[in-house]
PDB file of N, CA and C in Angstrom:
ATOM      1  N   MET A   1      26.715  44.079 -63.669  1.00  0.00           N
ATOM      2  CA  MET A   1      25.499  44.440 -63.989  1.00  0.00           C
ATOM      3  C   MET A   1      24.744  45.687 -63.725  1.00  0.00           C
ATOM      4  N   SER A   2      24.228  46.636 -64.448  1.00  0.00           N
ATOM      5  CA  SER A   2      23.912  47.465 -64.531  1.00  0.00           C
ATOM      6  C   SER A   2      22.500  47.703 -62.940  1.00  0.00           C
ATOM      7  N   LYS A   3      22.612  49.414 -62.791  1.00  0.00           N
ATOM      8  CA  LYS A   3      21.900  49.252 -61.553  1.00  0.00           C
ATOM      9  C   LYS A   3      20.502  49.074 -61.916  1.00  0.00           C
ATOM     10  N   ARG A   4      19.929  49.580 -63.041  1.00  0.00           N
ATOM     11  CA  ARG A   4      18.342  49.157 -63.621  1.00  0.00           C
ATOM     12  C   ARG A   4      17.934  47.885 -63.685  1.00  0.00           C
ATOM     13  N   ILE A   5      19.258  47.292 -64.182  1.00  0.00           N
ATOM     14  CA  ILE A   5      18.512  45.493 -63.843  1.00  0.00           C
ATOM     15  C   ILE A   5      18.661  45.458 -62.335  1.00  0.00           C
ATOM     16  N   LYS A   6      19.516  45.543 -61.563  1.00  0.00           N
ATOM     17  CA  LYS A   6      19.589  44.852 -60.262  1.00  0.00           C
ATOM     18  C   LYS A   6      18.260  45.774 -59.542  1.00  0.00           C
ATOM     19  N   TYR A   7      17.939  46.861 -60.037  1.00  0.00           N
ATOM     20  CA  TYR A   7      16.619  47.773 -59.199  1.00  0.00           C
ATOM     21  C   TYR A   7      15.560  46.651 -59.565  1.00  0.00           C
ATOM     22  N   ARG A   8      15.444  46.265 -60.927  1.00  0.00           N
ATOM     23  CA  ARG A   8      14.057  45.429 -61.429  1.00  0.00           C
ATOM     24  C   ARG A   8      14.166  44.109 -60.699  1.00  0.00           C
ATOM     25  N   MET A   9      15.351  43.459 -60.422  1.00  0.00           N
ATOM     26  CA  MET A   9      15.752  41.894 -60.079  1.00  0.00           C
ATOM     27  C   MET A   9      14.848  42.415 -58.456  1.00  0.00           C
ATOM     28  N   PHE A  10      15.294  43.403 -57.982  1.00  0.00           N
ATOM     29  CA  PHE A  10      14.612  44.001 -56.435  1.00  0.00           C
ATOM     30  C   PHE A  10      13.335  43.631 -56.503  1.00  0.00           C
ATOM     31  N   VAL A  11      12.681  44.358 -57.204  1.00  0.00           N
ATOM     32  CA  VAL A  11      11.382  44.634 -57.490  1.00  0.00           C
ATOM     33  C   VAL A  11      10.753  43.547 -58.059  1.00  0.00           C
ATOM     34  N   CYS A  12      10.997  42.625 -58.613  1.00  0.00           N
ATOM     35  CA  CYS A  12      10.477  41.115 -58.708  1.00  0.00           C
ATOM     36  C   CYS A  12      10.560  40.493 -57.564  1.00  0.00           C
ATOM     37  N   PHE A  13      11.734  40.386 -56.837  1.00  0.00           N
ATOM     38  CA  PHE A  13      11.694  39.851 -55.571  1.00  0.00           C
ATOM     39  C   PHE A  13      10.987  40.274 -54.401  1.00  0.00           C
ATOM     40  N   LEU A  14      10.933  41.779 -54.444  1.00  0.00           N
ATOM     41  CA  LEU A  14       9.613  42.075 -53.758  1.00  0.00           C
ATOM     42  C   LEU A  14       8.466  41.597 -54.175  1.00  0.00           C
ATOM     43  N   ILE A  15       7.700  41.555 -54.888  1.00  0.00           N
ATOM     44  CA  ILE A  15       6.441  41.504 -55.412  1.00  0.00           C
ATOM     45  C   ILE A  15       6.288  39.676 -55.031  1.00  0.00           C
ATOM     46  N   VAL A  16       7.120  39.029 -55.257  1.00  0.00           N
ATOM     47  CA  VAL A  16       6.933  37.657 -55.324  1.00  0.00           C
ATOM     48  C   VAL A  16       7.214  37.614 -53.408  1.00  0.00           C
ATOM     49  N   PHE A  17       7.914  38.462 -52.549  1.00  0.00           N
ATOM     50  CA  PHE A  17       8.236  38.182 -51.321  1.00  0.00           C
ATOM     51  C   PHE A  17       6.388  38.664 -50.613  1.00  0.00           C
ATOM     52  N   VAL A  18       6.228  39.502 -51.340  1.00  0.00           N
ATOM     53  CA  VAL A  18       4.738  39.997 -50.764  1.00  0.00           C
ATOM     54  C   VAL A  18       3.721  39.297 -51.057  1.00  0.00           C
ATOM     55  N   ASP A  19       3.687  38.817 -52.102  1.00  0.00           N
ATOM     56  CA  ASP A  19       2.569  38.028 -52.725  1.00  0.00           C
ATOM     57  C   ASP A  19       2.644  36.618 -51.855  1.00  0.00           C
ATOM     58  N   ASN A  20       3.776  36.173 -51.657  1.00  0.00           N
ATOM     59  CA  ASN A  20       3.632  34.621 -50.696  1.00  0.00           C
ATOM     60  C   ASN A  20       3.515  35.084 -49.269  1.00  0.00           C
ATOM     61  N   THR A  21       3.751  35.933 -48.662  1.00  0.00           N
ATOM     62  CA  THR A  21       3.760  36.491 -47.245  1.00  0.00           C
ATOM     63  C   THR A  21       2.538  36.869 -46.859  1.00  0.00           C
ATOM     64  N   MET A  22       1.359  37.790 -47.785  1.00  0.00           N
ATOM     65  CA  MET A  22       0.131  37.885 -47.770  1.00  0.00           C
ATOM     66  C   MET A  22      -0.208  36.336 -47.722  1.00  0.00           C
ATOM     67  N   ASN A  23      -0.328  35.719 -49.289  1.00  0.00           N
ATOM     68  CA  ASN A  23      -0.942  34.601 -49.103  1.00  0.00           C
ATOM     69  C   ASN A  23      -0.890  33.256 -47.538  1.00  0.00           C
ATOM     70  N   SER A  24       0.215  33.235 -47.232  1.00  0.00           N
ATOM     71  CA  SER A  24       0.079  32.320 -45.971  1.00  0.00           C
ATOM     72  C   SER A  24       0.045  33.075 -45.089  1.00  0.00           C
ATOM     73  N   LYS A  25      -0.063  34.248 -44.649  1.00  0.00           N
ATOM     74  CA  LYS A  25      -0.915  34.797 -43.726  1.00  0.00           C
ATOM     75  C   LYS A  25      -2.354  35.132 -43.421  1.00  0.00           C
ATOM     76  N   LEU A  26      -2.960  35.358 -44.887  1.00  0.00           N
ATOM     77  CA  LEU A  26      -4.163  34.961 -45.065  1.00  0.00           C
ATOM     78  C   LEU A  26      -4.853  33.417 -44.509  1.00  0.00           C
ATOM     79  N   GLU A  27      -4.208  32.786 -44.885  1.00  0.00           N
ATOM     80  CA  GLU A  27      -4.416  31.295 -44.580  1.00  0.00           C
ATOM     81  C   GLU A  27      -4.377  30.895 -43.225  1.00  0.00           C
ATOM     82  N   LYS A  28      -3.216  31.373 -42.522  1.00  0.00           N
ATOM     83  CA  LYS A  28      -2.722  30.966 -41.504  1.00  0.00           C
ATOM     84  C   LYS A  28      -3.831  31.474 -40.175  1.00  0.00           C
ATOM     85  N   TYR A  29      -4.196  32.678 -40.405  1.00  0.00           N
ATOM     86  CA  TYR A  29      -5.267  33.665 -39.938  1.00  0.00           C
ATOM     87  C   TYR A  29      -6.536  33.791 -39.742  1.00  0.00           C
ATOM     88  N   HIS A  30      -7.197  32.969 -41.330  1.00  0.00           N
ATOM     89  CA  HIS A  30      -8.244  32.662 -41.610  1.00  0.00           C
ATOM     90  C   HIS A  30      -8.684  34.350 -42.065  1.00  0.00           C
ATOM     91  N   ILE A  31      -8.160  35.166 -43.185  1.00  0.00           N
ATOM     92  CA  ILE A  31      -8.453  36.467 -43.414  1.00  0.00           C
ATOM     93  C   ILE A  31      -8.999  36.119 -44.621  1.00  0.00           C
ATOM     94  N   PRO A  32     -10.463  36.671 -45.134  1.00  0.00           N
ATOM     95  CA  PRO A  32     -10.884  36.337 -46.244  1.00  0.00           C
ATOM     96  C   PRO A  32     -10.346  37.380 -47.124  1.00  0.00           C
ATOM     97  N   ASN A  33      -9.558  38.415 -47.138  1.00  0.00           N
ATOM     98  CA  ASN A  33      -9.020  39.260 -48.209  1.00  0.00           C
ATOM     99  C   ASN A  33      -8.099  40.174 -47.735  1.00  0.00           C
ATOM    100  N   ALA A  34      -7.564  40.772 -48.505  1.00  0.00           N
ATOM    101  CA  ALA A  34      -6.435  41.785 -48.037  1.00  0.00           C
ATOM    102  C   ALA A  34      -5.886  42.719 -49.517  1.00  0.00           C
ATOM    103  N   THR A  35      -5.836  44.036 -49.250  1.00  0.00           N
ATOM    104  CA  THR A  35      -5.229  44.929 -50.041  1.00  0.00           C
ATOM    105  C   THR A  35      -3.576  45.397 -49.607  1.00  0.00           C
ATOM    106  N   VAL A  36      -2.645  45.652 -50.614  1.00  0.00           N
ATOM    107  CA  VAL A  36      -1.489  45.684 -50.181  1.00  0.00           C
ATOM    108  C   VAL A  36      -0.734  46.977 -51.147  1.00  0.00           C
ATOM    109  N   ALA A  37       0.048  47.744 -50.731  1.00  0.00           N
ATOM    110  CA  ALA A  37       0.557  48.943 -51.784  1.00  0.00           C
ATOM    111  C   ALA A  37       1.671  49.184 -50.815  1.00  0.00           C
ATOM    112  N   VAL A  38       2.601  49.378 -52.010  1.00  0.00           N
ATOM    113  CA  VAL A  38       3.947  49.697 -52.113  1.00  0.00           C
ATOM    114  C   VAL A  38       4.164  51.056 -52.231  1.00  0.00           C
ATOM    115  N   VAL A  39       4.747  52.105 -51.354  1.00  0.00           N
ATOM    116  CA  VAL A  39       4.593  53.608 -52.102  1.00  0.00           C
ATOM    117  C   VAL A  39       5.808  53.918 -51.940  1.00  0.00           C
ATOM    118  N   LYS A  40       6.458  54.712 -52.767  1.00  0.00           N
ATOM    119  CA  LYS A  40       8.025  54.857 -52.914  1.00  0.00           C
ATOM    120  C   LYS A  40       7.828  56.344 -53.436  1.00  0.00           C
ATOM    121  N   ASP A  41       8.676  57.563 -53.023  1.00  0.00           N
ATOM    122  CA  ASP A  41       8.598  58.781 -52.788  1.00  0.00           C
ATOM    123  C   ASP A  41       7.022  59.382 -53.112  1.00  0.00           C
ATOM    124  N   GLY A  42       6.110  59.097 -52.513  1.00  0.00           N
ATOM    125  CA  GLY A  42       4.902  59.092 -52.518  1.00  0.00           C
ATOM    126  C   GLY A  42       3.821  58.653 -53.770  1.00  0.00           C
ATOM    127  N   GLU A  43       4.759  57.674 -54.127  1.00  0.00           N
ATOM    128  CA  GLU A  43       3.953  56.912 -55.679  1.00  0.00           C
ATOM    129  C   GLU A  43       3.518  55.850 -55.159  1.00  0.00           C
ATOM    130  N   ILE A  44       2.211  55.086 -55.578  1.00  0.00           N
ATOM    131  CA  ILE A  44       2.107  53.711 -55.438  1.00  0.00           C
ATOM    132  C   ILE A  44       2.926  52.993 -56.817  1.00  0.00           C
ATOM    133  N   VAL A  45       4.061  52.246 -56.362  1.00  0.00           N
ATOM    134  CA  VAL A  45       5.060  51.296 -57.229  1.00  0.00           C
ATOM    135  C   VAL A  45       4.399  50.085 -57.380  1.00  0.00           C
ATOM    136  N   TYR A  46       3.709  49.718 -56.521  1.00  0.00           N
ATOM    137  CA  TYR A  46       3.105  48.285 -56.684  1.00  0.00           C
ATOM    138  C   TYR A  46       1.680  48.142 -55.689  1.00  0.00           C
ATOM    139  N   ASN A  47       0.803  47.748 -55.707  1.00  0.00           N
ATOM    140  CA  ASN A  47      -0.664  47.119 -55.279  1.00  0.00           C
ATOM    141  C   ASN A  47      -0.935  45.675 -55.821  1.00  0.00           C
ATOM    142  N   SER A  48      -1.623  45.109 -54.665  1.00  0.00           N
ATOM    143  CA  SER A  48      -1.866  43.728 -55.190  1.00  0.00           C
ATOM    144  C   SER A  48      -3.425  43.387 -54.131  1.00  0.00           C
ATOM    145  N   THR A  49      -4.202  42.565 -54.582  1.00  0.00           N
ATOM    146  CA  THR A  49      -5.453  42.469 -53.420  1.00  0.00           C
ATOM    147  C   THR A  49      -5.158  40.657 -53.459  1.00  0.00           C
ATOM    148  N   CYS A  50      -5.038  40.189 -52.167  1.00  0.00           N
ATOM    149  CA  CYS A  50      -5.088  39.092 -52.321  1.00  0.00           C
ATOM    150  C   CYS A  50      -6.011  38.158 -51.678  1.00  0.00           C
ATOM    151  N   ALA A  51      -6.646  37.244 -52.087  1.00  0.00           N
ATOM    152  CA  ALA A  51      -7.885  36.642 -51.618  1.00  0.00           C
ATOM    153  C   ALA A  51      -7.485  35.203 -50.611  1.00  0.00           C
ATOM    154  N   GLY A  52      -7.816  35.437 -49.550  1.00  0.00           N
ATOM    155  CA  GLY A  52      -7.485  34.067 -48.722  1.00  0.00           C
ATOM    156  C   GLY A  52      -8.752  32.782 -48.846  1.00  0.00           C
ATOM    157  N   GLN A  53      -9.726  33.151 -47.435  1.00  0.00           N
ATOM    158  CA  GLN A  53     -10.449  31.852 -47.743  1.00  0.00           C
ATOM    159  C   GLN A  53     -11.817  32.571 -48.150  1.00  0.00           C
ATOM    160  N   LYS A  54     -12.806  31.554 -48.553  1.00  0.00           N
ATOM    161  CA  LYS A  54     -14.213  32.411 -48.790  1.00  0.00           C
ATOM    162  C   LYS A  54     -15.162  32.298 -47.744  1.00  0.00           C
ATOM    163  N   LEU A  55     -15.498  32.842 -47.315  1.00  0.00           N
ATOM    164  CA  LEU A  55     -16.754  33.161 -45.920  1.00  0.00           C
ATOM    165  C   LEU A  55     -17.902  32.433 -46.125  1.00  0.00           C
ATOM    166  N   GLU A  56     -18.462  31.540 -45.543  1.00  0.00           N
ATOM    167  CA  GLU A  56     -19.510  30.755 -45.448  1.00  0.00           C
ATOM    168  C   GLU A  56     -20.382  31.792 -44.958  1.00  0.00           C
ATOM    169  N   PRO A  57     -21.808  31.879 -45.398  1.00  0.00           N
ATOM    170  CA  PRO A  57     -22.792  32.708 -44.444  1.00  0.00           C
ATOM    171  C   PRO A  57     -23.251  32.024 -44.003  1.00  0.00           C
ATOM    172  N   SER A  58     -23.232  33.054 -42.325  1.00  0.00           N
ATOM    173  CA  SER A  58     -24.211  32.472 -40.828  1.00  0.00           C
ATOM    174  C   SER A  58     -25.277  32.821 -41.017  1.00  0.00           C
ATOM    175  N   LEU A  59     -26.341  31.968 -40.955  1.00  0.00           N
ATOM    176  CA  LEU A  59     -27.979  31.915 -41.059  1.00  0.00           C
ATOM    177  C   LEU A  59     -28.239  32.163 -39.625  1.00  0.00           C
TER     178      LEU A  59
END
């Protein structure tokens, strides 16, 4: 298996891991939303906005 394929597999694993972790933490701690960025060598290689729970307006 080439280095390029291994790298792409790692990136896919990382994306799934980050998304699953963020979504579970947002739900657990009742956080409405968050943004995540992964930076490598000064460049953003992955970014995502995760939505947790909707906030009910308090009157």
